[in-house]
Amino acid sequence: MIYFIGAGPGAVDLITVKGKELLEKADLIIYAGSLVNPGLLDYAKPECVIMDSASMTLEEVIAAMVPAAQEGKLVVRLHTGDPSVYGAHREQIDLLRSYNLDFEIVPGVSSFCAAAAALDAEYTLPNVSQSVIITRMEGRTPVPPKQKIADYAAHKATMVIFLSSGMLDKLQHELIRGGYKADTPAAIVYKASWPDERVLRCTVGTLAACAAEYNITKTALITVGDFLGCEYERSELYNPTYTHMFRQADPSKLNLKPEVK
């Protein structure tokens, strides 16, 4: 069996229980060495073969996984965050299918979740933003038409931008061209959940200058939107003036404060 496991955003204790248990049983682990915290490899048993995929091609990864799986060994392909977000695991799965090998995907905590935690923020605030756009700048990998930064900026939703911290001059230009004002709140979260995590709060118009000041060129997420501001409306779910199937409205409890002893 081959398992594609989301390693989580960085902190070794943010991998799922299932992911950790499979790492402990694995006979072969191929991990994304440029992104995955190597501390996760401490879960592996002493005889486990460990390979860093940072210098490997897709074909070399498959060539390592297939014979091991055919021999009945437990193979783990360890991806950063969650494999479904910029994990490039679809191309691996399609090749494995041609060998009639069984595989399973084990989800992980994405770095965009860890970034929100680092910001003490909620991406979806009533009357501010009810949608989160996860995207990236166009670079070596092209972006389809109508899916470019400026296209998404027009929606004024919360944006979480991956793989773009080395192109912030162009990013802020595209965000403003799409409709964001230069003073829209933004933040750069470097290595969310890692010991050297850093949170830089700025605006759309100062993204590039902020990153340059702190020498951040990679391994950072960019977040943009008014969810980073102070204004929002409270949710109806916990509003005492709102009735739903689990609770009747009771306006007398509006702004009720707990008794302090």
C-alpha atoms as a PDB file:
ATOM      1  CA  MET A   1       0.000   0.000   0.000  1.00  0.00           C
ATOM      2  CA  ILE A   2       1.145   3.528  -0.791  1.00  0.00           C
ATOM      3  CA  TYR A   3      -0.018   6.368   1.428  1.00  0.00           C
ATOM      4  CA  PHE A   4       0.064  10.020   0.406  1.00  0.00           C
ATOM      5  CA  ILE A   5       0.195  11.823   3.726  1.00  0.00           C
ATOM      6  CA  GLY A   6      -0.236  15.499   4.487  1.00  0.00           C
ATOM      7  CA  ALA A   7       2.573  16.378   6.889  1.00  0.00           C
ATOM      8  CA  GLY A   8       0.833  19.505   8.120  1.00  0.00           C
ATOM      9  CA  PRO A   9       2.157  23.081   7.967  1.00  0.00           C
ATOM     10  CA  GLY A  10       5.428  22.500   9.777  1.00  0.00           C
ATOM     11  CA  ALA A  11       5.103  21.818  13.495  1.00  0.00           C
ATOM     12  CA  VAL A  12       5.685  18.108  14.117  1.00  0.00           C
ATOM     13  CA  ASP A  13       2.659  17.858  16.407  1.00  0.00           C
ATOM     14  CA  LEU A  14       0.301  19.152  13.721  1.00  0.00           C
ATOM     15  CA  ILE A  15       0.410  15.965  11.665  1.00  0.00           C
ATOM     16  CA  THR A  16      -2.751  13.870  12.042  1.00  0.00           C
ATOM     17  CA  VAL A  17      -2.795  10.865  14.368  1.00  0.00           C
ATOM     18  CA  LYS A  18      -3.288   8.599  11.354  1.00  0.00           C
ATOM     19  CA  GLY A  19      -0.367  10.190   9.527  1.00  0.00           C
ATOM     20  CA  LYS A  20       1.930   9.757  12.528  1.00  0.00           C
ATOM     21  CA  GLU A  21       0.929   6.107  12.969  1.00  0.00           C
ATOM     22  CA  LEU A  22       1.682   5.361   9.314  1.00  0.00           C
ATOM     23  CA  LEU A  23       5.072   7.067   9.550  1.00  0.00           C
ATOM     24  CA  GLU A  24       5.876   4.777  12.474  1.00  0.00           C
ATOM     25  CA  LYS A  25       5.012   1.676  10.413  1.00  0.00           C
ATOM     26  CA  ALA A  26       6.507   2.741   7.076  1.00  0.00           C
ATOM     27  CA  ASP A  27       9.193   0.721   5.298  1.00  0.00           C
ATOM     28  CA  LEU A  28       9.906   3.526   2.805  1.00  0.00           C
ATOM     29  CA  ILE A  29       9.318   7.249   3.275  1.00  0.00           C
ATOM     30  CA  ILE A  30       9.786   9.680   0.422  1.00  0.00           C
ATOM     31  CA  TYR A  31       9.403  13.201   1.753  1.00  0.00           C
ATOM     32  CA  ALA A  32       9.454  16.682   0.251  1.00  0.00           C
ATOM     33  CA  GLY A  33      12.709  17.740   1.841  1.00  0.00           C
ATOM     34  CA  SER A  34      12.540  21.369   0.791  1.00  0.00           C
ATOM     35  CA  LEU A  35       9.285  21.906   2.706  1.00  0.00           C
ATOM     36  CA  VAL A  36       8.567  19.120   5.222  1.00  0.00           C
ATOM     37  CA  ASN A  37       9.915  19.485   8.755  1.00  0.00           C
ATOM     38  CA  PRO A  38      12.646  16.811   9.057  1.00  0.00           C
ATOM     39  CA  GLY A  39      11.626  16.346  12.684  1.00  0.00           C
ATOM     40  CA  LEU A  40       8.707  14.261  11.405  1.00  0.00           C
ATOM     41  CA  LEU A  41      11.192  11.629  10.287  1.00  0.00           C
ATOM     42  CA  ASP A  42      11.978  10.914  13.929  1.00  0.00           C
ATOM     43  CA  TYR A  43       8.709   8.950  13.977  1.00  0.00           C
ATOM     44  CA  ALA A  44      10.159   6.436  11.489  1.00  0.00           C
ATOM     45  CA  LYS A  45      11.467   3.068  12.671  1.00  0.00           C
ATOM     46  CA  PRO A  46      15.267   2.609  12.499  1.00  0.00           C
ATOM     47  CA  GLU A  47      15.198   0.255   9.494  1.00  0.00           C
ATOM     48  CA  CYS A  48      12.928   2.500   7.401  1.00  0.00           C
ATOM     49  CA  VAL A  49      14.446   3.718   4.129  1.00  0.00           C
ATOM     50  CA  ILE A  50      14.120   7.503   3.865  1.00  0.00           C
ATOM     51  CA  MET A  51      14.488   9.433   0.618  1.00  0.00           C
ATOM     52  CA  ASP A  52      14.401  13.199   0.026  1.00  0.00           C
ATOM     53  CA  SER A  53      12.417  13.994  -3.117  1.00  0.00           C
ATOM     54  CA  ALA A  54      13.815  17.546  -3.423  1.00  0.00           C
ATOM     55  CA  SER A  55      16.394  16.401  -5.974  1.00  0.00           C
ATOM     56  CA  MET A  56      14.236  13.674  -7.568  1.00  0.00           C
ATOM     57  CA  THR A  57      12.103  13.756 -10.707  1.00  0.00           C
ATOM     58  CA  LEU A  58       8.562  12.387 -10.861  1.00  0.00           C
ATOM     59  CA  GLU A  59       9.887   9.325 -12.673  1.00  0.00           C
ATOM     60  CA  GLU A  60      12.510   8.703  -9.981  1.00  0.00           C
ATOM     61  CA  VAL A  61       9.894   8.965  -7.226  1.00  0.00           C
ATOM     62  CA  ILE A  62       7.674   6.427  -8.989  1.00  0.00           C
ATOM     63  CA  ALA A  63      10.652   4.147  -9.652  1.00  0.00           C
ATOM     64  CA  ALA A  64      11.348   4.081  -5.912  1.00  0.00           C
ATOM     65  CA  MET A  65       7.755   3.576  -4.772  1.00  0.00           C
ATOM     66  CA  VAL A  66       6.608   0.906  -7.223  1.00  0.00           C
ATOM     67  CA  PRO A  67       9.095  -1.920  -6.435  1.00  0.00           C
ATOM     68  CA  ALA A  68       8.695  -1.375  -2.694  1.00  0.00           C
ATOM     69  CA  ALA A  69       4.890  -1.534  -2.925  1.00  0.00           C
ATOM     70  CA  GLN A  70       5.054  -4.596  -5.189  1.00  0.00           C
ATOM     71  CA  GLU A  71       7.146  -6.325  -2.520  1.00  0.00           C
ATOM     72  CA  GLY A  72       4.397  -5.695   0.028  1.00  0.00           C
ATOM     73  CA  LYS A  73       6.167  -2.884   1.841  1.00  0.00           C
ATOM     74  CA  LEU A  74       4.340   0.068   3.370  1.00  0.00           C
ATOM     75  CA  VAL A  75       5.269   3.174   1.399  1.00  0.00           C
ATOM     76  CA  VAL A  76       4.665   6.745   2.554  1.00  0.00           C
ATOM     77  CA  ARG A  77       4.850   9.747   0.275  1.00  0.00           C
ATOM     78  CA  LEU A  78       5.044  12.653   2.700  1.00  0.00           C
ATOM     79  CA  HIS A  79       3.801  15.978   1.345  1.00  0.00           C
ATOM     80  CA  THR A  80       3.780  19.333   3.083  1.00  0.00           C
ATOM     81  CA  GLY A  81       0.471  20.721   4.366  1.00  0.00           C
ATOM     82  CA  ASP A  82      -2.381  18.872   2.697  1.00  0.00           C
ATOM     83  CA  PRO A  83      -1.585  17.021  -0.545  1.00  0.00           C
ATOM     84  CA  SER A  84      -4.636  18.477  -2.306  1.00  0.00           C
ATOM     85  CA  VAL A  85      -3.264  22.042  -2.215  1.00  0.00           C
ATOM     86  CA  TYR A  86      -0.328  22.461  -4.607  1.00  0.00           C
ATOM     87  CA  GLY A  87       0.828  18.966  -3.707  1.00  0.00           C
ATOM     88  CA  ALA A  88       1.399  17.624  -7.247  1.00  0.00           C
ATOM     89  CA  HIS A  89       0.124  14.235  -6.145  1.00  0.00           C
ATOM     90  CA  ARG A  90      -2.387  13.718  -8.958  1.00  0.00           C
ATOM     91  CA  GLU A  91       0.355  12.969 -11.479  1.00  0.00           C
ATOM     92  CA  GLN A  92       1.864  10.409  -9.101  1.00  0.00           C
ATOM     93  CA  ILE A  93      -1.488   8.721  -8.518  1.00  0.00           C
ATOM     94  CA  ASP A  94      -2.230   8.461 -12.237  1.00  0.00           C
ATOM     95  CA  LEU A  95       1.085   6.698 -12.818  1.00  0.00           C
ATOM     96  CA  LEU A  96       0.543   4.345  -9.875  1.00  0.00           C
ATOM     97  CA  ARG A  97      -2.842   3.346 -11.296  1.00  0.00           C
ATOM     98  CA  SER A  98      -1.053   2.049 -14.377  1.00  0.00           C
ATOM     99  CA  TYR A  99       0.760  -0.438 -12.106  1.00  0.00           C
ATOM    100  CA  ASN A 100      -2.513  -1.507 -10.422  1.00  0.00           C
ATOM    101  CA  LEU A 101      -1.153  -0.484  -7.041  1.00  0.00           C
ATOM    102  CA  ASP A 102      -3.379   0.442  -4.111  1.00  0.00           C
ATOM    103  CA  PHE A 103      -2.992   3.884  -2.577  1.00  0.00           C
ATOM    104  CA  GLU A 104      -4.709   6.069  -0.026  1.00  0.00           C
ATOM    105  CA  ILE A 105      -4.630   9.804   0.654  1.00  0.00           C
ATOM    106  CA  VAL A 106      -4.368  10.939   4.275  1.00  0.00           C
ATOM    107  CA  PRO A 107      -5.326  14.604   4.600  1.00  0.00           C
ATOM    108  CA  GLY A 108      -3.209  17.086   6.519  1.00  0.00           C
ATOM    109  CA  VAL A 109      -3.514  20.549   8.031  1.00  0.00           C
ATOM    110  CA  SER A 110      -2.837  23.068   5.283  1.00  0.00           C
ATOM    111  CA  SER A 111      -0.529  26.001   5.898  1.00  0.00           C
ATOM    112  CA  PHE A 112      -3.377  28.370   5.068  1.00  0.00           C
ATOM    113  CA  CYS A 113      -5.088  27.127   8.251  1.00  0.00           C
ATOM    114  CA  ALA A 114      -1.889  27.558  10.257  1.00  0.00           C
ATOM    115  CA  ALA A 115      -1.511  31.070   8.846  1.00  0.00           C
ATOM    116  CA  ALA A 116      -4.967  32.045  10.126  1.00  0.00           C
ATOM    117  CA  ALA A 117      -4.024  30.675  13.542  1.00  0.00           C
ATOM    118  CA  ALA A 118      -0.799  32.687  13.529  1.00  0.00           C
ATOM    119  CA  LEU A 119      -2.827  35.800  12.682  1.00  0.00           C
ATOM    120  CA  ASP A 120      -5.467  35.091  15.356  1.00  0.00           C
ATOM    121  CA  ALA A 121      -7.863  35.575  12.471  1.00  0.00           C
ATOM    122  CA  GLU A 122     -11.054  34.177  10.986  1.00  0.00           C
ATOM    123  CA  TYR A 123     -11.139  34.160   7.197  1.00  0.00           C
ATOM    124  CA  THR A 124     -14.943  34.199   6.992  1.00  0.00           C
ATOM    125  CA  LEU A 125     -16.535  37.101   8.840  1.00  0.00           C
ATOM    126  CA  PRO A 126     -20.203  38.132   8.502  1.00  0.00           C
ATOM    127  CA  ASN A 127     -20.658  41.104   6.175  1.00  0.00           C
ATOM    128  CA  VAL A 128     -16.906  41.140   5.447  1.00  0.00           C
ATOM    129  CA  SER A 129     -16.029  37.970   3.539  1.00  0.00           C
ATOM    130  CA  GLN A 130     -17.843  34.663   3.163  1.00  0.00           C
ATOM    131  CA  SER A 131     -15.392  33.159   0.670  1.00  0.00           C
ATOM    132  CA  VAL A 132     -11.711  32.258   0.735  1.00  0.00           C
ATOM    133  CA  ILE A 133      -9.768  32.278  -2.527  1.00  0.00           C
ATOM    134  CA  ILE A 134      -6.649  30.096  -2.483  1.00  0.00           C
ATOM    135  CA  THR A 135      -4.432  30.940  -5.427  1.00  0.00           C
ATOM    136  CA  ARG A 136      -0.930  31.779  -6.601  1.00  0.00           C
ATOM    137  CA  MET A 137       0.889  34.171  -8.885  1.00  0.00           C
ATOM    138  CA  GLU A 138       1.621  33.073 -12.402  1.00  0.00           C
ATOM    139  CA  GLY A 139       5.218  31.963 -12.723  1.00  0.00           C
ATOM    140  CA  ARG A 140       6.818  29.008 -14.481  1.00  0.00           C
ATOM    141  CA  THR A 141       3.497  27.192 -14.143  1.00  0.00           C
ATOM    142  CA  PRO A 142       0.884  29.125 -16.153  1.00  0.00           C
ATOM    143  CA  VAL A 143      -2.454  30.201 -14.702  1.00  0.00           C
ATOM    144  CA  PRO A 144      -5.626  29.555 -16.747  1.00  0.00           C
ATOM    145  CA  PRO A 145      -7.537  32.512 -18.217  1.00  0.00           C
ATOM    146  CA  LYS A 146      -9.890  34.256 -15.760  1.00  0.00           C
ATOM    147  CA  GLN A 147      -7.960  32.758 -12.822  1.00  0.00           C
ATOM    148  CA  LYS A 148      -5.254  35.372 -12.484  1.00  0.00           C
ATOM    149  CA  ILE A 149      -4.684  37.480  -9.363  1.00  0.00           C
ATOM    150  CA  ALA A 150      -6.435  40.540 -10.777  1.00  0.00           C
ATOM    151  CA  ASP A 151      -9.476  38.441 -11.737  1.00  0.00           C
ATOM    152  CA  TYR A 152      -9.868  37.186  -8.175  1.00  0.00           C
ATOM    153  CA  ALA A 153      -9.083  40.545  -6.577  1.00  0.00           C
ATOM    154  CA  ALA A 154     -12.231  41.932  -8.166  1.00  0.00           C
ATOM    155  CA  HIS A 155     -14.327  39.809  -5.781  1.00  0.00           C
ATOM    156  CA  LYS A 156     -12.875  41.504  -2.660  1.00  0.00           C
ATOM    157  CA  ALA A 157     -13.061  38.146  -0.867  1.00  0.00           C
ATOM    158  CA  THR A 158     -10.397  36.859   1.510  1.00  0.00           C
ATOM    159  CA  MET A 159      -7.341  35.804  -0.489  1.00  0.00           C
ATOM    160  CA  VAL A 160      -4.594  33.402   0.575  1.00  0.00           C
ATOM    161  CA  ILE A 161      -1.765  33.433  -1.920  1.00  0.00           C
ATOM    162  CA  PHE A 162       0.732  30.583  -2.099  1.00  0.00           C
ATOM    163  CA  LEU A 163       4.096  30.326  -3.891  1.00  0.00           C
ATOM    164  CA  SER A 164       4.360  34.049  -4.554  1.00  0.00           C
ATOM    165  CA  SER A 165       6.568  35.590  -1.867  1.00  0.00           C
ATOM    166  CA  GLY A 166       9.364  36.128  -4.377  1.00  0.00           C
ATOM    167  CA  MET A 167       7.127  38.152  -6.707  1.00  0.00           C
ATOM    168  CA  LEU A 168       5.562  40.683  -4.361  1.00  0.00           C
ATOM    169  CA  ASP A 169       6.128  43.767  -6.501  1.00  0.00           C
ATOM    170  CA  LYS A 170       4.101  42.187  -9.274  1.00  0.00           C
ATOM    171  CA  LEU A 171       1.599  40.699  -6.825  1.00  0.00           C
ATOM    172  CA  GLN A 172       0.688  43.998  -5.219  1.00  0.00           C
ATOM    173  CA  HIS A 173       0.377  45.579  -8.664  1.00  0.00           C
ATOM    174  CA  GLU A 174      -2.039  42.852  -9.769  1.00  0.00           C
ATOM    175  CA  LEU A 175      -4.063  43.080  -6.561  1.00  0.00           C
ATOM    176  CA  ILE A 176      -4.518  46.823  -6.998  1.00  0.00           C
ATOM    177  CA  ARG A 177      -5.227  46.451 -10.706  1.00  0.00           C
ATOM    178  CA  GLY A 178      -7.948  43.955  -9.839  1.00  0.00           C
ATOM    179  CA  GLY A 179      -9.723  46.273  -7.417  1.00  0.00           C
ATOM    180  CA  TYR A 180      -8.106  46.217  -3.998  1.00  0.00           C
ATOM    181  CA  LYS A 181      -7.165  49.625  -2.603  1.00  0.00           C
ATOM    182  CA  ALA A 182      -3.522  50.099  -1.652  1.00  0.00           C
ATOM    183  CA  ASP A 183      -4.497  50.471   2.017  1.00  0.00           C
ATOM    184  CA  THR A 184      -6.358  47.140   2.158  1.00  0.00           C
ATOM    185  CA  PRO A 185      -5.042  45.108   5.101  1.00  0.00           C
ATOM    186  CA  ALA A 186      -2.583  42.351   4.221  1.00  0.00           C
ATOM    187  CA  ALA A 187      -0.190  40.084   6.059  1.00  0.00           C
ATOM    188  CA  ILE A 188       2.841  37.945   5.313  1.00  0.00           C
ATOM    189  CA  VAL A 189       3.079  34.751   7.352  1.00  0.00           C
ATOM    190  CA  TYR A 190       6.527  33.187   7.143  1.00  0.00           C
ATOM    191  CA  LYS A 191       6.796  29.476   7.985  1.00  0.00           C
ATOM    192  CA  ALA A 192       3.461  29.205   9.765  1.00  0.00           C
ATOM    193  CA  SER A 193       3.660  26.937  12.861  1.00  0.00           C
ATOM    194  CA  TRP A 194       7.452  26.453  12.608  1.00  0.00           C
ATOM    195  CA  PRO A 195       9.668  27.548  15.528  1.00  0.00           C
ATOM    196  CA  ASP A 196      10.901  30.510  13.452  1.00  0.00           C
ATOM    197  CA  GLU A 197       7.411  31.598  12.371  1.00  0.00           C
ATOM    198  CA  ARG A 198       7.074  35.304  11.687  1.00  0.00           C
ATOM    199  CA  VAL A 199       3.937  37.381  11.117  1.00  0.00           C
ATOM    200  CA  LEU A 200       4.223  40.695   9.295  1.00  0.00           C
ATOM    201  CA  ARG A 201       1.142  42.889   9.056  1.00  0.00           C
ATOM    202  CA  CYS A 202       1.077  45.448   6.288  1.00  0.00           C
ATOM    203  CA  THR A 203      -1.155  46.631   3.438  1.00  0.00           C
ATOM    204  CA  VAL A 204      -1.543  45.597  -0.185  1.00  0.00           C
ATOM    205  CA  GLY A 205       0.527  48.613  -1.209  1.00  0.00           C
ATOM    206  CA  THR A 206       3.407  47.791   1.149  1.00  0.00           C
ATOM    207  CA  LEU A 207       3.708  44.022   0.647  1.00  0.00           C
ATOM    208  CA  ALA A 208       6.958  44.171  -1.312  1.00  0.00           C
ATOM    209  CA  ALA A 209       8.601  46.734   0.965  1.00  0.00           C
ATOM    210  CA  CYS A 210       7.619  44.804   4.082  1.00  0.00           C
ATOM    211  CA  ALA A 211       9.037  41.532   2.763  1.00  0.00           C
ATOM    212  CA  ALA A 212      12.241  43.254   1.630  1.00  0.00           C
ATOM    213  CA  GLU A 213      12.714  44.842   5.059  1.00  0.00           C
ATOM    214  CA  TYR A 214      12.683  41.418   6.701  1.00  0.00           C
ATOM    215  CA  ASN A 215      14.405  39.577   3.831  1.00  0.00           C
ATOM    216  CA  ILE A 216      11.510  37.215   3.156  1.00  0.00           C
ATOM    217  CA  THR A 217      11.660  35.690  -0.322  1.00  0.00           C
ATOM    218  CA  LYS A 218      10.202  32.190   0.117  1.00  0.00           C
ATOM    219  CA  THR A 219       8.224  29.861   2.402  1.00  0.00           C
ATOM    220  CA  ALA A 220       5.604  32.493   3.187  1.00  0.00           C
ATOM    221  CA  LEU A 221       1.887  32.878   2.622  1.00  0.00           C
ATOM    222  CA  ILE A 222       0.309  36.189   1.667  1.00  0.00           C
ATOM    223  CA  THR A 223      -3.114  36.965   3.075  1.00  0.00           C
ATOM    224  CA  VAL A 224      -5.239  39.846   1.834  1.00  0.00           C
ATOM    225  CA  GLY A 225      -8.604  41.254   2.812  1.00  0.00           C
ATOM    226  CA  ASP A 226     -10.713  43.114   5.312  1.00  0.00           C
ATOM    227  CA  PHE A 227     -10.904  40.015   7.511  1.00  0.00           C
ATOM    228  CA  LEU A 228      -7.658  41.439   8.912  1.00  0.00           C
ATOM    229  CA  GLY A 229      -9.483  44.595   9.988  1.00  0.00           C
ATOM    230  CA  CYS A 230     -11.608  45.314  13.045  1.00  0.00           C
ATOM    231  CA  GLU A 231     -15.091  45.704  11.555  1.00  0.00           C
ATOM    232  CA  TYR A 232     -17.527  42.793  11.229  1.00  0.00           C
ATOM    233  CA  GLU A 233     -21.007  41.709  12.314  1.00  0.00           C
ATOM    234  CA  ARG A 234     -21.632  39.031  14.917  1.00  0.00           C
ATOM    235  CA  SER A 235     -22.898  35.679  13.690  1.00  0.00           C
ATOM    236  CA  GLU A 236     -26.584  34.874  13.827  1.00  0.00           C
ATOM    237  CA  LEU A 237     -25.879  31.351  15.066  1.00  0.00           C
ATOM    238  CA  TYR A 238     -25.080  32.549  18.593  1.00  0.00           C
ATOM    239  CA  ASN A 239     -27.229  35.677  18.545  1.00  0.00           C
ATOM    240  CA  PRO A 240     -29.895  35.475  21.302  1.00  0.00           C
ATOM    241  CA  THR A 241     -32.345  37.356  19.064  1.00  0.00           C
ATOM    242  CA  TYR A 242     -32.190  34.605  16.433  1.00  0.00           C
ATOM    243  CA  THR A 243     -34.262  31.412  16.512  1.00  0.00           C
ATOM    244  CA  HIS A 244     -33.060  28.178  14.963  1.00  0.00           C
ATOM    245  CA  MET A 245     -33.889  24.494  15.350  1.00  0.00           C
ATOM    246  CA  PHE A 246     -31.804  24.105  18.516  1.00  0.00           C
ATOM    247  CA  ARG A 247     -32.736  27.311  20.361  1.00  0.00           C
ATOM    248  CA  GLN A 248     -35.559  29.817  20.728  1.00  0.00           C
ATOM    249  CA  ALA A 249     -34.823  33.527  20.577  1.00  0.00           C
ATOM    250  CA  ASP A 250     -34.423  35.265  23.934  1.00  0.00           C
ATOM    251  CA  PRO A 251     -33.504  38.979  23.475  1.00  0.00           C
ATOM    252  CA  SER A 252     -33.057  39.338  27.243  1.00  0.00           C
ATOM    253  CA  LYS A 253     -29.741  37.516  26.888  1.00  0.00           C
ATOM    254  CA  LEU A 254     -28.361  40.067  24.415  1.00  0.00           C
ATOM    255  CA  ASN A 255     -25.007  41.359  25.659  1.00  0.00           C
ATOM    256  CA  LEU A 256     -25.322  39.214  28.779  1.00  0.00           C
ATOM    257  CA  LYS A 257     -22.032  39.200  30.639  1.00  0.00           C
ATOM    258  CA  PRO A 258     -20.840  36.320  32.841  1.00  0.00           C
ATOM    259  CA  GLU A 259     -20.874  36.889  36.549  1.00  0.00           C
ATOM    260  CA  VAL A 260     -17.396  37.580  37.880  1.00  0.00           C
ATOM    261  CA  LYS A 261     -16.676  36.036  41.279  1.00  0.00           C
END
